[in-house]
C-alpha atoms as a PDB file:
ATOM      1  CA  UNK A   1       0.000   0.000   0.000  1.00  0.00           C
ATOM      2  CA  UNK A   2       1.384   3.404  -0.986  1.00  0.00           C
ATOM      3  CA  UNK A   3       0.683   6.480   1.049  1.00  0.00           C
ATOM      4  CA  UNK A   4      -0.273   9.733  -0.630  1.00  0.00           C
ATOM      5  CA  UNK A   5       2.277  12.464  -0.095  1.00  0.00           C
ATOM      6  CA  UNK A   6       1.015  15.838   1.135  1.00  0.00           C
ATOM      7  CA  UNK A   7       0.525  18.832  -1.103  1.00  0.00           C
ATOM      8  CA  UNK A   8       2.328  22.144  -0.700  1.00  0.00           C
ATOM      9  CA  UNK A   9      -0.019  25.022   0.109  1.00  0.00           C
ATOM     10  CA  UNK A  10       1.477  28.484   0.645  1.00  0.00           C
ATOM     11  CA  UNK A  11      -0.081  31.958   0.854  1.00  0.00           C
ATOM     12  CA  UNK A  12       1.658  35.312   0.447  1.00  0.00           C
ATOM     13  CA  UNK A  13       0.271  38.838   0.635  1.00  0.00           C
ATOM     14  CA  UNK A  14       1.921  41.029  -1.980  1.00  0.00           C
ATOM     15  CA  UNK A  15       1.717  44.805  -2.131  1.00  0.00           C
ATOM     16  CA  UNK A  16       1.106  44.636  -5.885  1.00  0.00           C
ATOM     17  CA  UNK A  17      -1.977  44.430  -8.046  1.00  0.00           C
ATOM     18  CA  UNK A  18      -3.256  41.084  -9.336  1.00  0.00           C
ATOM     19  CA  UNK A  19      -2.194  42.264 -12.814  1.00  0.00           C
ATOM     20  CA  UNK A  20       1.405  42.778 -11.648  1.00  0.00           C
ATOM     21  CA  UNK A  21       1.506  39.425  -9.865  1.00  0.00           C
ATOM     22  CA  UNK A  22      -0.009  37.618 -12.861  1.00  0.00           C
ATOM     23  CA  UNK A  23       2.586  39.226 -15.131  1.00  0.00           C
ATOM     24  CA  UNK A  24       5.341  38.052 -12.752  1.00  0.00           C
ATOM     25  CA  UNK A  25       4.080  34.473 -13.148  1.00  0.00           C
ATOM     26  CA  UNK A  26       3.529  34.486 -16.912  1.00  0.00           C
ATOM     27  CA  UNK A  27       5.913  36.882 -18.687  1.00  0.00           C
ATOM     28  CA  UNK A  28       9.521  35.874 -19.447  1.00  0.00           C
ATOM     29  CA  UNK A  29      10.979  39.299 -18.594  1.00  0.00           C
ATOM     30  CA  UNK A  30       9.154  39.239 -15.247  1.00  0.00           C
ATOM     31  CA  UNK A  31      10.009  35.608 -14.391  1.00  0.00           C
ATOM     32  CA  UNK A  32      13.729  36.359 -14.691  1.00  0.00           C
ATOM     33  CA  UNK A  33      13.423  39.176 -12.133  1.00  0.00           C
ATOM     34  CA  UNK A  34      12.601  36.740  -9.298  1.00  0.00           C
ATOM     35  CA  UNK A  35      12.759  33.102 -10.431  1.00  0.00           C
ATOM     36  CA  UNK A  36      14.793  31.802 -13.358  1.00  0.00           C
ATOM     37  CA  UNK A  37      17.802  33.086 -15.286  1.00  0.00           C
ATOM     38  CA  UNK A  38      16.072  32.444 -18.609  1.00  0.00           C
ATOM     39  CA  UNK A  39      12.396  31.975 -19.423  1.00  0.00           C
ATOM     40  CA  UNK A  40      10.461  31.125 -22.530  1.00  0.00           C
ATOM     41  CA  UNK A  41       6.704  30.860 -22.253  1.00  0.00           C
ATOM     42  CA  UNK A  42       3.716  30.631 -24.558  1.00  0.00           C
ATOM     43  CA  UNK A  43       1.149  32.316 -22.313  1.00  0.00           C
ATOM     44  CA  UNK A  44      -1.870  30.481 -23.703  1.00  0.00           C
ATOM     45  CA  UNK A  45      -3.564  27.544 -22.012  1.00  0.00           C
ATOM     46  CA  UNK A  46      -1.809  24.444 -23.335  1.00  0.00           C
ATOM     47  CA  UNK A  47       1.243  26.551 -24.223  1.00  0.00           C
ATOM     48  CA  UNK A  48       4.727  25.315 -23.424  1.00  0.00           C
ATOM     49  CA  UNK A  49       7.247  26.877 -21.076  1.00  0.00           C
ATOM     50  CA  UNK A  50      10.964  26.451 -20.457  1.00  0.00           C
ATOM     51  CA  UNK A  51      12.711  27.807 -17.374  1.00  0.00           C
ATOM     52  CA  UNK A  52      16.488  27.717 -17.012  1.00  0.00           C
ATOM     53  CA  UNK A  53      17.696  27.969 -13.432  1.00  0.00           C
ATOM     54  CA  UNK A  54      20.974  29.350 -12.086  1.00  0.00           C
ATOM     55  CA  UNK A  55      22.354  25.852 -11.495  1.00  0.00           C
ATOM     56  CA  UNK A  56      21.640  24.922 -15.140  1.00  0.00           C
ATOM     57  CA  UNK A  57      18.556  22.839 -14.400  1.00  0.00           C
ATOM     58  CA  UNK A  58      15.937  23.168 -17.142  1.00  0.00           C
ATOM     59  CA  UNK A  59      12.213  22.842 -16.398  1.00  0.00           C
ATOM     60  CA  UNK A  60       9.884  22.295 -19.296  1.00  0.00           C
ATOM     61  CA  UNK A  61       6.160  21.803 -19.235  1.00  0.00           C
ATOM     62  CA  UNK A  62       2.753  23.074 -20.233  1.00  0.00           C
ATOM     63  CA  UNK A  63       0.365  25.665 -18.952  1.00  0.00           C
ATOM     64  CA  UNK A  64      -2.485  23.548 -17.596  1.00  0.00           C
ATOM     65  CA  UNK A  65      -4.944  26.359 -16.995  1.00  0.00           C
ATOM     66  CA  UNK A  66      -5.132  30.123 -17.067  1.00  0.00           C
ATOM     67  CA  UNK A  67      -7.579  32.837 -16.107  1.00  0.00           C
ATOM     68  CA  UNK A  68      -6.081  36.251 -16.750  1.00  0.00           C
ATOM     69  CA  UNK A  69      -5.085  38.072 -13.549  1.00  0.00           C
ATOM     70  CA  UNK A  70      -6.795  35.385 -11.420  1.00  0.00           C
ATOM     71  CA  UNK A  71      -5.088  31.997 -11.814  1.00  0.00           C
ATOM     72  CA  UNK A  72      -2.491  29.972 -13.683  1.00  0.00           C
ATOM     73  CA  UNK A  73      -1.306  26.391 -13.327  1.00  0.00           C
ATOM     74  CA  UNK A  74       1.746  24.641 -14.734  1.00  0.00           C
ATOM     75  CA  UNK A  75       2.728  21.020 -15.160  1.00  0.00           C
ATOM     76  CA  UNK A  76       5.853  20.621 -13.046  1.00  0.00           C
ATOM     77  CA  UNK A  77       8.700  18.160 -12.608  1.00  0.00           C
ATOM     78  CA  UNK A  78       6.334  16.240 -10.340  1.00  0.00           C
ATOM     79  CA  UNK A  79       2.704  17.229 -10.237  1.00  0.00           C
ATOM     80  CA  UNK A  80       1.018  20.527 -10.950  1.00  0.00           C
ATOM     81  CA  UNK A  81       1.793  23.964  -9.486  1.00  0.00           C
ATOM     82  CA  UNK A  82      -1.293  26.193  -9.363  1.00  0.00           C
ATOM     83  CA  UNK A  83      -1.417  29.858  -8.421  1.00  0.00           C
ATOM     84  CA  UNK A  84      -4.610  31.677  -7.423  1.00  0.00           C
ATOM     85  CA  UNK A  85      -4.688  35.460  -7.111  1.00  0.00           C
ATOM     86  CA  UNK A  86      -7.273  37.526  -5.252  1.00  0.00           C
ATOM     87  CA  UNK A  87      -7.336  41.261  -4.723  1.00  0.00           C
ATOM     88  CA  UNK A  88      -7.038  42.025  -1.019  1.00  0.00           C
ATOM     89  CA  UNK A  89      -7.137  45.667  -0.010  1.00  0.00           C
ATOM     90  CA  UNK A  90      -4.437  47.471  -1.988  1.00  0.00           C
ATOM     91  CA  UNK A  91      -2.587  44.247  -2.792  1.00  0.00           C
ATOM     92  CA  UNK A  92      -2.966  40.625  -3.787  1.00  0.00           C
ATOM     93  CA  UNK A  93      -3.274  37.394  -1.880  1.00  0.00           C
ATOM     94  CA  UNK A  94      -1.282  34.788  -3.815  1.00  0.00           C
ATOM     95  CA  UNK A  95      -1.986  31.143  -3.038  1.00  0.00           C
ATOM     96  CA  UNK A  96       0.187  28.325  -4.351  1.00  0.00           C
ATOM     97  CA  UNK A  97      -1.000  24.742  -4.371  1.00  0.00           C
ATOM     98  CA  UNK A  98       1.502  22.178  -5.659  1.00  0.00           C
ATOM     99  CA  UNK A  99      -0.075  18.728  -5.895  1.00  0.00           C
ATOM    100  CA  UNK A 100       0.822  15.286  -7.196  1.00  0.00           C
ATOM    101  CA  UNK A 101       4.142  14.449  -5.576  1.00  0.00           C
ATOM    102  CA  UNK A 102       5.441  10.938  -6.166  1.00  0.00           C
ATOM    103  CA  UNK A 103       8.662  11.089  -4.148  1.00  0.00           C
ATOM    104  CA  UNK A 104       9.584  12.548  -0.778  1.00  0.00           C
ATOM    105  CA  UNK A 105      12.740  14.074  -2.314  1.00  0.00           C
ATOM    106  CA  UNK A 106      10.675  16.085  -4.814  1.00  0.00           C
ATOM    107  CA  UNK A 107       8.282  17.169  -2.064  1.00  0.00           C
ATOM    108  CA  UNK A 108      11.144  18.327   0.177  1.00  0.00           C
ATOM    109  CA  UNK A 109      13.012  20.147  -2.609  1.00  0.00           C
ATOM    110  CA  UNK A 110       9.845  21.783  -3.914  1.00  0.00           C
ATOM    111  CA  UNK A 111       8.747  22.888  -0.445  1.00  0.00           C
ATOM    112  CA  UNK A 112      12.070  24.602   0.207  1.00  0.00           C
ATOM    113  CA  UNK A 113      12.235  25.974  -3.334  1.00  0.00           C
ATOM    114  CA  UNK A 114       8.755  27.494  -3.342  1.00  0.00           C
ATOM    115  CA  UNK A 115       9.357  29.150   0.040  1.00  0.00           C
ATOM    116  CA  UNK A 116      12.632  30.603  -1.232  1.00  0.00           C
ATOM    117  CA  UNK A 117      11.307  31.840  -4.565  1.00  0.00           C
ATOM    118  CA  UNK A 118       7.942  33.153  -3.382  1.00  0.00           C
ATOM    119  CA  UNK A 119       9.694  35.101  -0.628  1.00  0.00           C
ATOM    120  CA  UNK A 120      11.889  36.545  -3.373  1.00  0.00           C
ATOM    121  CA  UNK A 121       8.827  37.376  -5.505  1.00  0.00           C
ATOM    122  CA  UNK A 122       7.393  39.270  -2.516  1.00  0.00           C
ATOM    123  CA  UNK A 123      10.662  41.154  -2.068  1.00  0.00           C
ATOM    124  CA  UNK A 124      10.902  42.043  -5.770  1.00  0.00           C
ATOM    125  CA  UNK A 125       7.292  43.240  -6.021  1.00  0.00           C
ATOM    126  CA  UNK A 126       7.054  44.926  -2.612  1.00  0.00           C
ATOM    127  CA  UNK A 127      10.546  46.452  -2.389  1.00  0.00           C
ATOM    128  CA  UNK A 128      12.269  46.087  -5.774  1.00  0.00           C
ATOM    129  CA  UNK A 129      14.983  43.891  -4.222  1.00  0.00           C
ATOM    130  CA  UNK A 130      16.052  40.545  -5.703  1.00  0.00           C
ATOM    131  CA  UNK A 131      17.259  38.470  -2.746  1.00  0.00           C
ATOM    132  CA  UNK A 132      18.902  35.716  -4.810  1.00  0.00           C
ATOM    133  CA  UNK A 133      22.606  35.275  -4.253  1.00  0.00           C
ATOM    134  CA  UNK A 134      25.099  33.583  -6.551  1.00  0.00           C
ATOM    135  CA  UNK A 135      25.999  31.475  -3.520  1.00  0.00           C
ATOM    136  CA  UNK A 136      22.480  30.061  -3.076  1.00  0.00           C
ATOM    137  CA  UNK A 137      21.894  26.483  -4.174  1.00  0.00           C
ATOM    138  CA  UNK A 138      18.522  27.157  -5.821  1.00  0.00           C
END
């Protein structure tokens, strides 16, 4: 009998509009400000994306769903990473749900990675500061 691994569910309040947050998740020039070193993305549902990370790792997948300025989901190395955006006051509540893990290693790496990168997204959007260091392992 196999046990189901837990999902990752994270929430961040960002002092940016849903439009700005959505752009940060779906536009190559915005993705490279907080996440990858290179990004190619076809921003249509079913479109393909390629993200090149600092350590040379390449993620490729498809956009699984998209609702402009409200939600986007991506096929991931393991599972699906889905982002939901909701206006909250003068900012946006961003919720990540990453589901479908098959291995504990992927769950652990993804949990640490999402915390790292979404904290950086918050810093970039709220303060204009990219917290990534060339010494970081992500």
